[in-house]
Amino acid sequence: MLIDILRTVGIFFLSFFINPILYIGIIVIYFLGKSRVKDERHSFHTRVFRQMADFTIPFLPALLAGVYASIVTIGLGIVITWEWFVALAILYLLLMLTLQIQWMTTTFALGILLLFYGMEPLLSSIGFFNPIYAELTQIPLQVVASLLVLLMIVEGFLIRFNGATYTSPRLEKSKRGKWIGLHVSKRLWIVPVVLFIPEGIIPTITYWPILSIGEMSLQPVFIPFLIGFHQRVHGSIPSVPIKTTGMRVIGLSLILALFAIGSFYIPILAVVLGGLAIVGRELLSYQAKIREEKQPIFFSTQSKGCIVLGVLPNSPAEKMKIAIGETIVKVNGQPVNSETTFYEALQINSAFCKLEVLNHDGEIRFAQGALYDGGHHQLGVLLVKDDVVLQDSIT
């Protein structure tokens, strides 16, 4: 008995670390970080966050989301097969090849899988697809639909509470040839979820609502799911539209939950749910993009003060609690409205600075602190360029 328990525990953890989906996610996150650092260096001649941040920032939220999701999957008694997960890994790989991080998510992967289920009457007559459907149809449509809705809710909460954390500032040229600032949230969460596969030592429980496979023993497994997100913000501080997107995703998932429940009575509704999930999620991304394009540019040069586009980690500005989107109107008592005037005002006292800051509520507050002696980035705030020629924009 002890050997069986140890074997069950070993399979539980190995199922996570040997799963190809995990390594697909790690590879994608590595290149996301590499690309982000390159873009930040192009804009500011320095990286804002180290490359490892693309692993560390989403790690804890994804882990907590996996814990909450696992409580639901265990309560529902969701059973899958290894063959089913091979199909899911292939879909993730194909979605990765599109280079669209927002498509590399369970909403799209499971949505496509549900549509594939619905094409069985057409494709099952082709010899190549017969063994594929023989394996896939061991997992009922309703199970896949329930898992899609659950992970879409998880996606909405991750976007809502973690999507706007440490977004990446950038500089771009506007249509009029002027420099503008924006923030990019481009993130991939690896969410570990507990599911079951047949053939283990845990007996089935009659009250599990989804489990309806008769008497058998089950093996718990620890499976990674990928949730990708991408949104650009230039019309406000990044937290506002990103949190709105998260709430809209949650709202859409709750509507789709009605289809998942209905699929237990009318199975074809699960296929409809797969199509609606893909179209609905993409529509939310498109609407967010259109709303952003209609907004006036928030991060730009202005006649009075300098809007803070970004703050370097561990810099004097961070210690002074300077926030993205605040406006610094005076430095060492001198009014500022550009990189040049900002830098000149800093030179009045190279060891210490006093700031007059307009916060998000339009109220003036004062901040002061010591500067790094000989530090390469002075105060550590990122500003929008006021010159045509690309140059260092850190003051």
Protein backbone atom coordinates (compact mmCIF):
# COMPACT_ATOMS: atom_id res chain seq x y z
CA MET A 1 0.00 0.00 0.00
CA LEU A 2 2.82 2.40 0.87
CA ILE A 3 4.45 1.74 -2.49
CA ASP A 4 1.19 2.51 -4.27
CA ILE A 5 0.85 5.80 -2.38
CA LEU A 6 4.44 6.81 -3.19
CA ARG A 7 3.85 5.87 -6.82
CA THR A 8 0.68 8.02 -6.88
CA VAL A 9 2.54 11.00 -5.39
CA GLY A 10 5.43 10.52 -7.82
CA ILE A 11 3.13 10.42 -10.85
CA PHE A 12 1.29 13.48 -9.52
CA PHE A 13 4.39 15.68 -9.61
CA LEU A 14 6.01 14.05 -12.64
CA SER A 15 2.84 14.72 -14.63
CA PHE A 16 3.63 18.42 -14.28
CA PHE A 17 7.37 18.43 -14.91
CA ILE A 18 7.38 16.03 -17.87
CA ASN A 19 4.42 17.69 -19.56
CA PRO A 20 5.41 19.31 -22.90
CA ILE A 21 2.92 22.13 -22.30
CA LEU A 22 5.09 23.35 -19.41
CA TYR A 23 8.16 23.64 -21.61
CA ILE A 24 6.22 25.28 -24.43
CA GLY A 25 5.21 27.92 -21.87
CA ILE A 26 8.77 28.36 -20.56
CA ILE A 27 10.14 28.82 -24.08
CA VAL A 28 7.48 31.42 -24.89
CA ILE A 29 8.10 33.34 -21.65
CA TYR A 30 11.85 33.35 -22.34
CA PHE A 31 11.37 34.96 -25.74
CA LEU A 32 8.75 37.37 -24.35
CA GLY A 33 11.31 38.61 -21.83
CA LYS A 34 14.05 38.82 -24.43
CA SER A 35 11.85 40.83 -26.79
CA ARG A 36 10.63 43.14 -24.01
CA VAL A 37 14.15 43.99 -22.85
CA LYS A 38 15.16 44.71 -26.45
CA ASP A 39 12.21 47.08 -26.95
CA GLU A 40 12.87 48.87 -23.66
CA ARG A 41 16.54 49.35 -24.52
CA HIS A 42 15.52 50.74 -27.91
CA SER A 43 13.25 53.29 -26.22
CA PHE A 44 15.31 54.24 -23.17
CA HIS A 45 18.82 52.80 -23.68
CA THR A 46 18.27 50.62 -20.62
CA ARG A 47 15.97 47.81 -19.60
CA VAL A 48 13.23 48.68 -17.14
CA PHE A 49 12.83 45.21 -15.64
CA ARG A 50 15.25 42.31 -15.81
CA GLN A 51 14.36 39.47 -18.15
CA MET A 52 13.60 37.12 -15.26
CA ALA A 53 10.67 39.38 -14.35
CA ASP A 54 8.61 37.74 -17.09
CA PHE A 55 8.88 34.52 -15.09
CA THR A 56 8.57 35.94 -11.57
CA ILE A 57 5.74 38.50 -12.02
CA PRO A 58 3.11 35.97 -13.19
CA PHE A 59 4.38 33.04 -11.09
CA LEU A 60 2.57 33.51 -7.75
CA PRO A 61 -0.76 34.72 -9.24
CA ALA A 62 -0.75 31.72 -11.62
CA LEU A 63 0.00 29.36 -8.74
CA LEU A 64 -2.81 30.79 -6.59
CA ALA A 65 -5.20 30.68 -9.54
CA GLY A 66 -4.26 27.03 -10.03
CA VAL A 67 -5.07 26.27 -6.39
CA TYR A 68 -8.54 27.81 -6.67
CA ALA A 69 -9.17 26.13 -10.03
CA SER A 70 -8.04 22.78 -8.61
CA ILE A 71 -10.59 23.01 -5.80
CA VAL A 72 -13.27 23.21 -8.49
CA THR A 73 -11.83 20.47 -10.73
CA ILE A 74 -11.49 18.10 -7.77
CA GLY A 75 -15.02 18.95 -6.64
CA LEU A 76 -16.37 18.29 -10.13
CA GLY A 77 -14.26 15.15 -10.57
CA ILE A 78 -12.90 16.05 -14.02
CA VAL A 79 -11.21 13.06 -15.68
CA ILE A 80 -9.02 13.28 -18.78
CA THR A 81 -6.63 10.94 -20.62
CA TRP A 82 -3.00 11.35 -21.62
CA GLU A 83 -3.99 11.16 -25.29
CA TRP A 84 -6.35 14.08 -24.77
CA PHE A 85 -3.51 16.14 -23.34
CA VAL A 86 -1.25 15.26 -26.25
CA ALA A 87 -3.90 16.79 -28.53
CA LEU A 88 -4.03 19.88 -26.30
CA ALA A 89 -0.22 20.23 -26.37
CA ILE A 90 -0.27 20.08 -30.18
CA LEU A 91 -2.87 22.85 -30.25
CA TYR A 92 -0.76 25.02 -27.93
CA LEU A 93 2.24 24.44 -30.20
CA LEU A 94 0.26 25.48 -33.28
CA LEU A 95 -1.05 28.57 -31.49
CA MET A 96 2.52 29.44 -30.46
CA LEU A 97 3.55 29.42 -34.12
CA THR A 98 1.06 32.24 -34.82
CA LEU A 99 3.27 34.54 -32.66
CA GLN A 100 0.08 35.99 -31.15
CA ILE A 101 0.44 35.62 -27.40
CA GLN A 102 -3.25 36.44 -26.77
CA TRP A 103 -4.22 33.39 -28.85
CA MET A 104 -1.99 31.10 -26.84
CA THR A 105 -4.57 30.56 -24.16
CA THR A 106 -6.94 27.86 -22.94
CA THR A 107 -9.90 29.78 -24.35
CA PHE A 108 -8.58 29.29 -27.87
CA ALA A 109 -7.01 25.84 -27.37
CA LEU A 110 -10.08 24.27 -25.75
CA GLY A 111 -12.41 26.23 -28.03
CA ILE A 112 -10.69 24.78 -31.10
CA LEU A 113 -10.81 21.34 -29.52
CA LEU A 114 -14.57 21.65 -28.98
CA LEU A 115 -15.04 22.70 -32.61
CA PHE A 116 -12.96 19.68 -33.62
CA TYR A 117 -15.32 17.50 -31.59
CA GLY A 118 -18.23 19.01 -33.51
CA MET A 119 -16.64 18.09 -36.85
CA GLU A 120 -16.64 14.38 -36.02
CA PRO A 121 -19.57 13.55 -38.36
CA LEU A 122 -17.59 15.03 -41.27
CA LEU A 123 -14.07 13.86 -40.42
CA SER A 124 -14.68 10.45 -38.88
CA SER A 125 -15.19 8.99 -42.34
CA ILE A 126 -11.55 9.82 -43.14
CA GLY A 127 -9.26 7.03 -42.00
CA PHE A 128 -6.62 9.38 -40.57
CA PHE A 129 -9.05 10.87 -38.07
CA ASN A 130 -10.67 7.65 -36.88
CA PRO A 131 -8.06 6.80 -34.18
CA ILE A 132 -7.92 10.46 -33.10
CA TYR A 133 -11.65 10.63 -32.47
CA ALA A 134 -11.55 7.21 -30.83
CA GLU A 135 -9.23 8.66 -28.17
CA LEU A 136 -10.75 12.16 -27.87
CA THR A 137 -14.34 11.02 -27.50
CA GLN A 138 -13.42 9.12 -24.35
CA ILE A 139 -13.64 12.58 -22.74
CA PRO A 140 -17.22 13.89 -23.03
CA LEU A 141 -17.92 17.27 -24.61
CA GLN A 142 -19.41 18.52 -21.36
CA VAL A 143 -16.13 17.97 -19.50
CA VAL A 144 -14.16 20.03 -22.02
CA ALA A 145 -16.82 22.77 -21.99
CA SER A 146 -16.75 22.95 -18.18
CA LEU A 147 -12.95 23.12 -18.15
CA LEU A 148 -12.97 25.90 -20.76
CA VAL A 149 -15.39 28.05 -18.76
CA LEU A 150 -13.50 27.48 -15.52
CA LEU A 151 -10.14 28.46 -17.04
CA MET A 152 -11.71 31.43 -18.81
CA ILE A 153 -12.88 32.71 -15.42
CA VAL A 154 -9.30 32.18 -14.19
CA GLU A 155 -8.05 34.15 -17.21
CA GLY A 156 -10.33 37.07 -16.37
CA PHE A 157 -9.16 37.19 -12.75
CA LEU A 158 -5.48 36.98 -13.75
CA ILE A 159 -5.92 39.89 -16.16
CA ARG A 160 -7.91 41.84 -13.58
CA PHE A 161 -5.43 41.44 -10.73
CA ASN A 162 -2.06 40.80 -12.43
CA GLY A 163 -2.29 42.01 -16.03
CA ALA A 164 -1.42 45.61 -15.14
CA THR A 165 1.40 44.72 -12.73
CA TYR A 166 4.73 46.09 -14.00
CA THR A 167 3.64 46.82 -17.55
CA SER A 168 6.43 47.68 -19.96
CA PRO A 169 6.78 51.37 -21.00
CA ARG A 170 7.67 52.17 -24.61
CA LEU A 171 8.21 55.16 -26.88
CA GLU A 172 6.77 55.44 -30.37
CA LYS A 173 6.34 58.08 -33.05
CA SER A 174 2.80 59.37 -33.50
CA LYS A 175 1.27 60.01 -36.93
CA ARG A 176 2.38 63.63 -36.54
CA GLY A 177 5.99 62.57 -35.98
CA LYS A 178 6.05 63.36 -32.25
CA TRP A 179 7.16 61.01 -29.52
CA ILE A 180 4.41 59.46 -27.44
CA GLY A 181 4.55 56.98 -24.58
CA LEU A 182 2.56 53.79 -24.09
CA HIS A 183 2.49 50.72 -21.89
CA VAL A 184 2.44 47.12 -23.06
CA SER A 185 1.17 44.17 -21.04
CA LYS A 186 2.35 40.99 -22.74
CA ARG A 187 2.18 38.06 -20.37
CA LEU A 188 1.89 34.29 -20.21
CA TRP A 189 0.67 32.55 -17.09
CA ILE A 190 1.38 28.86 -16.52
CA VAL A 191 -1.52 27.70 -14.36
CA PRO A 192 -1.11 24.27 -12.67
CA VAL A 193 -4.42 22.44 -12.20
CA VAL A 194 -5.22 19.09 -10.56
CA LEU A 195 -7.19 16.69 -12.75
CA PHE A 196 -7.65 12.92 -12.81
CA ILE A 197 -6.72 10.13 -15.19
CA PRO A 198 -8.04 6.56 -15.04
CA GLU A 199 -6.08 3.73 -13.42
CA GLY A 200 -4.94 4.81 -9.95
CA ILE A 201 -5.65 4.00 -6.32
CA ILE A 202 -8.33 6.62 -5.59
CA PRO A 203 -11.85 5.17 -5.91
CA THR A 204 -14.54 7.11 -7.74
CA ILE A 205 -17.03 9.02 -5.59
CA THR A 206 -20.69 8.93 -6.50
CA TYR A 207 -21.37 12.59 -5.68
CA TRP A 208 -18.85 13.98 -8.22
CA PRO A 209 -21.15 15.92 -10.60
CA ILE A 210 -19.19 15.48 -13.83
CA LEU A 211 -17.67 12.07 -13.20
CA SER A 212 -20.00 9.48 -14.73
CA ILE A 213 -17.67 6.72 -15.89
CA GLY A 214 -18.79 3.94 -13.57
CA GLU A 215 -16.63 2.13 -11.07
CA MET A 216 -12.91 2.70 -11.55
CA SER A 217 -9.85 3.96 -9.74
CA LEU A 218 -8.34 7.34 -10.49
CA GLN A 219 -4.88 8.91 -10.45
CA PRO A 220 -4.56 12.65 -9.67
CA VAL A 221 -2.27 14.54 -12.04
CA PHE A 222 -0.84 18.06 -11.95
CA ILE A 223 -1.33 19.65 -15.39
CA PRO A 224 -0.09 23.06 -16.65
CA PHE A 225 -2.47 25.23 -18.67
CA LEU A 226 -1.30 28.32 -20.55
CA ILE A 227 -3.08 31.67 -20.47
CA GLY A 228 -1.70 34.42 -22.71
CA PHE A 229 -2.56 38.12 -22.69
CA HIS A 230 -1.56 41.17 -24.72
CA GLN A 231 -2.83 44.74 -24.49
CA ARG A 232 -1.36 48.13 -25.40
CA VAL A 233 -2.37 51.27 -23.49
CA HIS A 234 -1.63 54.90 -24.40
CA GLY A 235 -4.81 56.73 -23.38
CA SER A 236 -4.55 56.39 -19.59
CA ILE A 237 -2.56 54.77 -16.83
CA PRO A 238 -2.40 51.07 -17.79
CA SER A 239 -4.32 49.65 -14.82
CA VAL A 240 -7.67 51.18 -15.85
CA PRO A 241 -8.30 49.59 -19.29
CA ILE A 242 -6.52 46.33 -18.40
CA LYS A 243 -8.68 45.78 -15.32
CA THR A 244 -11.73 46.58 -17.45
CA THR A 245 -10.69 43.88 -19.92
CA GLY A 246 -10.36 41.40 -17.07
CA MET A 247 -13.87 42.13 -15.84
CA ARG A 248 -15.27 41.78 -19.36
CA VAL A 249 -13.59 38.38 -19.74
CA ILE A 250 -15.15 37.27 -16.46
CA GLY A 251 -18.54 38.50 -17.64
CA LEU A 252 -18.22 36.61 -20.93
CA SER A 253 -17.19 33.43 -19.13
CA LEU A 254 -20.27 33.61 -16.87
CA ILE A 255 -22.49 33.87 -19.94
CA LEU A 256 -20.72 30.88 -21.49
CA ALA A 257 -21.24 28.95 -18.25
CA LEU A 258 -24.94 28.78 -19.19
CA PHE A 259 -23.98 26.96 -22.39
CA ALA A 260 -21.74 24.59 -20.42
CA ILE A 261 -24.63 23.72 -18.10
CA GLY A 262 -26.97 23.34 -21.06
CA SER A 263 -24.54 20.98 -22.79
CA PHE A 264 -25.32 18.31 -20.17
CA TYR A 265 -28.81 18.21 -21.68
CA ILE A 266 -28.04 19.25 -25.27
CA PRO A 267 -24.44 18.17 -26.07
CA ILE A 268 -24.18 20.28 -29.24
CA LEU A 269 -24.23 23.39 -27.04
CA ALA A 270 -20.67 22.51 -26.00
CA VAL A 271 -19.55 22.90 -29.62
CA VAL A 272 -21.44 26.21 -29.86
CA LEU A 273 -19.69 27.28 -26.64
CA GLY A 274 -16.28 26.58 -28.21
CA GLY A 275 -17.02 28.84 -31.16
CA LEU A 276 -18.53 31.59 -29.00
CA ALA A 277 -15.55 31.50 -26.64
CA ILE A 278 -13.08 32.11 -29.46
CA VAL A 279 -15.15 34.77 -31.21
CA GLY A 280 -16.16 36.47 -27.96
CA ARG A 281 -12.64 36.61 -26.54
CA GLU A 282 -11.21 37.97 -29.79
CA LEU A 283 -14.02 40.51 -29.96
CA LEU A 284 -13.16 41.76 -26.47
CA SER A 285 -9.52 42.24 -27.56
CA TYR A 286 -10.63 44.08 -30.69
CA GLN A 287 -13.01 46.34 -28.73
CA ALA A 288 -10.24 47.18 -26.26
CA LYS A 289 -7.97 48.10 -29.17
CA ILE A 290 -10.63 50.30 -30.81
CA ARG A 291 -11.44 52.06 -27.52
CA GLU A 292 -7.75 52.75 -26.99
CA GLU A 293 -7.32 54.19 -30.49
CA LYS A 294 -10.15 56.64 -29.82
CA GLN A 295 -8.55 57.91 -26.62
CA PRO A 296 -6.33 61.02 -26.71
CA ILE A 297 -2.66 60.34 -26.01
CA PHE A 298 -2.05 60.43 -22.27
CA PHE A 299 1.73 60.03 -22.23
CA SER A 300 2.98 62.99 -24.27
CA THR A 301 4.82 66.27 -23.81
CA GLN A 302 2.76 69.15 -22.46
CA SER A 303 3.11 72.80 -21.66
CA LYS A 304 3.23 72.36 -17.90
CA GLY A 305 4.96 69.49 -16.14
CA CYS A 306 6.37 66.13 -17.23
CA ILE A 307 4.16 63.04 -17.14
CA VAL A 308 5.91 60.02 -15.64
CA LEU A 309 5.92 57.23 -18.22
CA GLY A 310 7.87 54.78 -16.06
CA VAL A 311 9.92 54.37 -12.92
CA LEU A 312 13.09 52.27 -12.77
CA PRO A 313 13.14 49.63 -10.01
CA ASN A 314 15.28 50.44 -6.95
CA SER A 315 15.79 54.02 -8.10
CA PRO A 316 15.40 57.19 -6.00
CA ALA A 317 12.09 57.85 -7.81
CA GLU A 318 10.71 54.49 -6.67
CA LYS A 319 11.80 55.22 -3.09
CA MET A 320 9.99 58.56 -3.33
CA LYS A 321 6.88 56.62 -4.41
CA ILE A 322 6.63 58.40 -7.76
CA ALA A 323 3.87 56.63 -9.70
CA ILE A 324 3.27 56.10 -13.41
CA GLY A 325 0.89 58.72 -14.75
CA GLU A 326 1.71 61.37 -12.17
CA THR A 327 2.96 64.74 -13.40
CA ILE A 328 6.13 66.31 -12.01
CA VAL A 329 5.57 70.06 -12.28
CA LYS A 330 8.62 71.35 -10.40
CA VAL A 331 12.11 70.01 -9.70
CA ASN A 332 14.18 71.81 -7.05
CA GLY A 333 11.72 74.69 -7.24
CA GLN A 334 12.06 75.05 -11.02
CA PRO A 335 9.06 74.54 -13.35
CA VAL A 336 9.68 71.73 -15.87
CA ASN A 337 7.92 70.66 -19.06
CA SER A 338 10.51 68.66 -21.02
CA GLU A 339 13.48 66.34 -20.68
CA THR A 340 15.84 69.29 -21.07
CA THR A 341 14.29 71.46 -18.38
CA PHE A 342 13.94 68.43 -16.13
CA TYR A 343 17.62 67.55 -16.44
CA GLU A 344 18.73 71.15 -15.95
CA ALA A 345 16.63 71.44 -12.78
CA LEU A 346 18.17 68.24 -11.41
CA GLN A 347 21.65 69.74 -11.80
CA ILE A 348 20.83 72.50 -9.31
CA ASN A 349 21.54 69.95 -6.59
CA SER A 350 23.21 66.78 -7.83
CA ALA A 351 22.98 65.03 -4.44
CA PHE A 352 19.41 65.81 -3.42
CA CYS A 353 16.18 66.79 -5.15
CA LYS A 354 12.79 68.15 -4.20
CA LEU A 355 9.78 67.44 -6.41
CA GLU A 356 6.35 68.98 -6.72
CA VAL A 357 4.07 66.24 -8.06
CA LEU A 358 0.51 66.32 -9.37
CA ASN A 359 -1.03 62.95 -8.42
CA HIS A 360 -3.80 60.98 -10.16
CA ASP A 361 -6.48 62.89 -8.27
CA GLY A 362 -5.13 66.25 -9.44
CA GLU A 363 -3.73 67.12 -6.03
CA ILE A 364 -0.26 68.50 -5.41
CA ARG A 365 2.09 66.55 -3.16
CA PHE A 366 5.76 66.98 -2.37
CA ALA A 367 8.50 64.35 -2.55
CA GLN A 368 12.18 64.60 -1.80
CA GLY A 369 15.16 62.33 -1.52
CA ALA A 370 18.86 61.78 -2.15
CA LEU A 371 20.16 60.98 -5.62
CA TYR A 372 22.68 58.26 -6.31
CA ASP A 373 26.20 59.63 -6.28
CA GLY A 374 27.33 59.21 -9.86
CA GLY A 375 24.29 57.08 -10.69
CA HIS A 376 23.78 56.63 -14.41
CA HIS A 377 20.05 57.25 -14.32
CA GLN A 378 19.85 60.18 -11.90
CA LEU A 379 16.31 60.19 -10.48
CA GLY A 380 15.09 57.09 -12.31
CA VAL A 381 11.95 58.38 -14.02
CA LEU A 382 11.19 57.69 -17.69
CA LEU A 383 9.79 60.60 -19.67
CA VAL A 384 8.45 61.09 -23.15
CA LYS A 385 11.05 62.49 -25.53
CA ASP A 386 10.74 66.03 -26.75
CA ASP A 387 13.43 65.71 -29.44
CA VAL A 388 13.22 64.33 -32.95
CA VAL A 389 16.51 62.48 -32.63
CA LEU A 390 16.44 59.30 -30.54
CA GLN A 391 18.45 59.74 -27.38
CA ASP A 392 18.54 58.67 -23.77
CA SER A 393 15.21 59.53 -22.12
CA ILE A 394 16.06 58.69 -18.51
CA THR A 395 16.42 61.49 -15.98
